[in-house]
Amino acid sequence: MATKSTTTFADAIALCGLSQAEAAYFLDVKLPRMQKWSRGAIECPDWAIDRLAELWLSISGERADQALPEGSALRRQTVSILRTRIPVTT
């Protein structure tokens, strides 16, 4: 079970465009603890995954009014640009 949570956690950090240091700051945890979650050394709590899920909703445009960390703001811009390039099929 810990492997799935921590793998999800590491993927969520990458998806949100955060470095490990930025993720630790965003989640208000110390960097070594966050690194252990990412490696699977200790189980990541559900609340951390939930916070990253909320951040992803903001990045993906579901909640565009939320202020984002710098890496995530760039990710939102990229997602927006890519959406304009998706061909419309009928």
C-alpha atoms as a PDB file:
ATOM      1  CA  MET A   1       0.000   0.000   0.000  1.00  0.00           C
ATOM      2  CA  ALA A   2       2.805   2.466   0.803  1.00  0.00           C
ATOM      3  CA  THR A   3       4.302   1.958  -2.641  1.00  0.00           C
ATOM      4  CA  LYS A   4       1.102   2.982  -4.410  1.00  0.00           C
ATOM      5  CA  SER A   5       0.624   6.110  -2.292  1.00  0.00           C
ATOM      6  CA  THR A   6       4.202   7.252  -2.613  1.00  0.00           C
ATOM      7  CA  THR A   7       4.330   6.500  -6.323  1.00  0.00           C
ATOM      8  CA  THR A   8       1.141   8.507  -6.711  1.00  0.00           C
ATOM      9  CA  PHE A   9       2.690  11.238  -4.587  1.00  0.00           C
ATOM     10  CA  ALA A  10       5.855  11.440  -6.689  1.00  0.00           C
ATOM     11  CA  ASP A  11       3.795  11.442  -9.887  1.00  0.00           C
ATOM     12  CA  ALA A  12       1.504  14.151  -8.514  1.00  0.00           C
ATOM     13  CA  ILE A  13       4.479  16.374  -7.692  1.00  0.00           C
ATOM     14  CA  ALA A  14       5.809  15.975 -11.222  1.00  0.00           C
ATOM     15  CA  LEU A  15       2.371  16.515 -12.771  1.00  0.00           C
ATOM     16  CA  CYS A  16       1.984  19.748 -10.815  1.00  0.00           C
ATOM     17  CA  GLY A  17       5.368  20.977 -12.049  1.00  0.00           C
ATOM     18  CA  LEU A  18       6.886  21.208  -8.578  1.00  0.00           C
ATOM     19  CA  SER A  19      10.395  20.447  -7.450  1.00  0.00           C
ATOM     20  CA  GLN A  20      10.703  18.471  -4.236  1.00  0.00           C
ATOM     21  CA  ALA A  21      11.636  21.666  -2.385  1.00  0.00           C
ATOM     22  CA  GLU A  22       8.599  23.494  -3.799  1.00  0.00           C
ATOM     23  CA  ALA A  23       6.340  20.588  -2.882  1.00  0.00           C
ATOM     24  CA  ALA A  24       7.681  20.568   0.671  1.00  0.00           C
ATOM     25  CA  TYR A  25       7.026  24.296   0.962  1.00  0.00           C
ATOM     26  CA  PHE A  26       3.557  24.005  -0.591  1.00  0.00           C
ATOM     27  CA  LEU A  27       2.627  21.161   1.766  1.00  0.00           C
ATOM     28  CA  ASP A  28       4.294  22.862   4.752  1.00  0.00           C
ATOM     29  CA  VAL A  29       6.492  19.876   5.596  1.00  0.00           C
ATOM     30  CA  LYS A  30      10.226  19.501   5.953  1.00  0.00           C
ATOM     31  CA  LEU A  31      12.061  18.475   2.803  1.00  0.00           C
ATOM     32  CA  PRO A  32      13.489  15.209   4.227  1.00  0.00           C
ATOM     33  CA  ARG A  33       9.985  13.993   5.131  1.00  0.00           C
ATOM     34  CA  MET A  34       8.648  14.866   1.694  1.00  0.00           C
ATOM     35  CA  GLN A  35      11.594  13.060   0.086  1.00  0.00           C
ATOM     36  CA  LYS A  36      10.800   9.954   2.133  1.00  0.00           C
ATOM     37  CA  TRP A  37       7.207  10.090   0.876  1.00  0.00           C
ATOM     38  CA  SER A  38       8.482  10.348  -2.692  1.00  0.00           C
ATOM     39  CA  ARG A  39      10.859   7.398  -2.287  1.00  0.00           C
ATOM     40  CA  GLY A  40       8.334   5.248  -0.476  1.00  0.00           C
ATOM     41  CA  ALA A  41      10.407   5.071   2.683  1.00  0.00           C
ATOM     42  CA  ILE A  42       7.354   6.172   4.676  1.00  0.00           C
ATOM     43  CA  GLU A  43       3.721   6.245   3.658  1.00  0.00           C
ATOM     44  CA  CYS A  44       2.413   9.507   2.307  1.00  0.00           C
ATOM     45  CA  PRO A  45      -0.685  10.735   4.166  1.00  0.00           C
ATOM     46  CA  ASP A  46      -3.927  11.133   2.258  1.00  0.00           C
ATOM     47  CA  TRP A  47      -4.112  14.846   3.046  1.00  0.00           C
ATOM     48  CA  ALA A  48      -0.903  15.449   1.043  1.00  0.00           C
ATOM     49  CA  ILE A  49      -2.311  13.693  -2.029  1.00  0.00           C
ATOM     50  CA  ASP A  50      -5.553  15.644  -1.541  1.00  0.00           C
ATOM     51  CA  ARG A  51      -3.672  18.983  -1.494  1.00  0.00           C
ATOM     52  CA  LEU A  52      -1.830  18.076  -4.691  1.00  0.00           C
ATOM     53  CA  ALA A  53      -5.114  16.995  -6.289  1.00  0.00           C
ATOM     54  CA  GLU A  54      -6.584  20.402  -5.430  1.00  0.00           C
ATOM     55  CA  LEU A  55      -3.510  22.073  -6.911  1.00  0.00           C
ATOM     56  CA  TRP A  56      -3.887  20.034 -10.108  1.00  0.00           C
ATOM     57  CA  LEU A  57      -7.500  21.179 -10.425  1.00  0.00           C
ATOM     58  CA  SER A  58      -6.222  24.754 -10.343  1.00  0.00           C
ATOM     59  CA  ILE A  59      -3.499  24.027 -12.887  1.00  0.00           C
ATOM     60  CA  SER A  60      -5.830  22.245 -15.268  1.00  0.00           C
ATOM     61  CA  GLY A  61      -8.236  25.164 -15.272  1.00  0.00           C
ATOM     62  CA  GLU A  62     -10.975  23.702 -13.101  1.00  0.00           C
ATOM     63  CA  ARG A  63     -10.282  26.350 -10.444  1.00  0.00           C
ATOM     64  CA  ALA A  64      -8.483  29.124 -12.261  1.00  0.00           C
ATOM     65  CA  ASP A  65      -8.914  31.668  -9.452  1.00  0.00           C
ATOM     66  CA  GLN A  66      -6.394  30.055  -7.079  1.00  0.00           C
ATOM     67  CA  ALA A  67      -2.854  31.462  -6.782  1.00  0.00           C
ATOM     68  CA  LEU A  68      -0.263  28.865  -7.758  1.00  0.00           C
ATOM     69  CA  PRO A  69       3.367  28.159  -6.890  1.00  0.00           C
ATOM     70  CA  GLU A  70       5.707  29.302  -9.678  1.00  0.00           C
ATOM     71  CA  GLY A  71       6.316  25.849 -11.208  1.00  0.00           C
ATOM     72  CA  SER A  72       2.612  25.126 -11.160  1.00  0.00           C
ATOM     73  CA  ALA A  73       1.748  28.475 -12.725  1.00  0.00           C
ATOM     74  CA  LEU A  74       4.038  27.597 -15.632  1.00  0.00           C
ATOM     75  CA  ARG A  75       2.367  24.180 -15.881  1.00  0.00           C
ATOM     76  CA  ARG A  76      -1.068  25.882 -16.081  1.00  0.00           C
ATOM     77  CA  GLN A  77       0.176  28.087 -18.899  1.00  0.00           C
ATOM     78  CA  THR A  78       1.497  25.038 -20.772  1.00  0.00           C
ATOM     79  CA  VAL A  79      -1.779  23.140 -20.327  1.00  0.00           C
ATOM     80  CA  SER A  80      -3.671  26.158 -21.638  1.00  0.00           C
ATOM     81  CA  ILE A  81      -1.438  26.456 -24.713  1.00  0.00           C
ATOM     82  CA  LEU A  82      -1.710  22.746 -25.474  1.00  0.00           C
ATOM     83  CA  ARG A  83      -5.497  22.854 -25.222  1.00  0.00           C
ATOM     84  CA  THR A  84      -5.613  25.526 -27.924  1.00  0.00           C
ATOM     85  CA  ARG A  85      -3.604  23.224 -30.211  1.00  0.00           C
ATOM     86  CA  ILE A  86      -5.826  20.173 -29.868  1.00  0.00           C
ATOM     87  CA  PRO A  87      -7.567  19.602 -33.202  1.00  0.00           C
ATOM     88  CA  VAL A  88     -11.330  19.731 -33.051  1.00  0.00           C
ATOM     89  CA  THR A  89     -12.947  16.657 -34.568  1.00  0.00           C
ATOM     90  CA  THR A  90     -16.551  16.396 -35.647  1.00  0.00           C
END
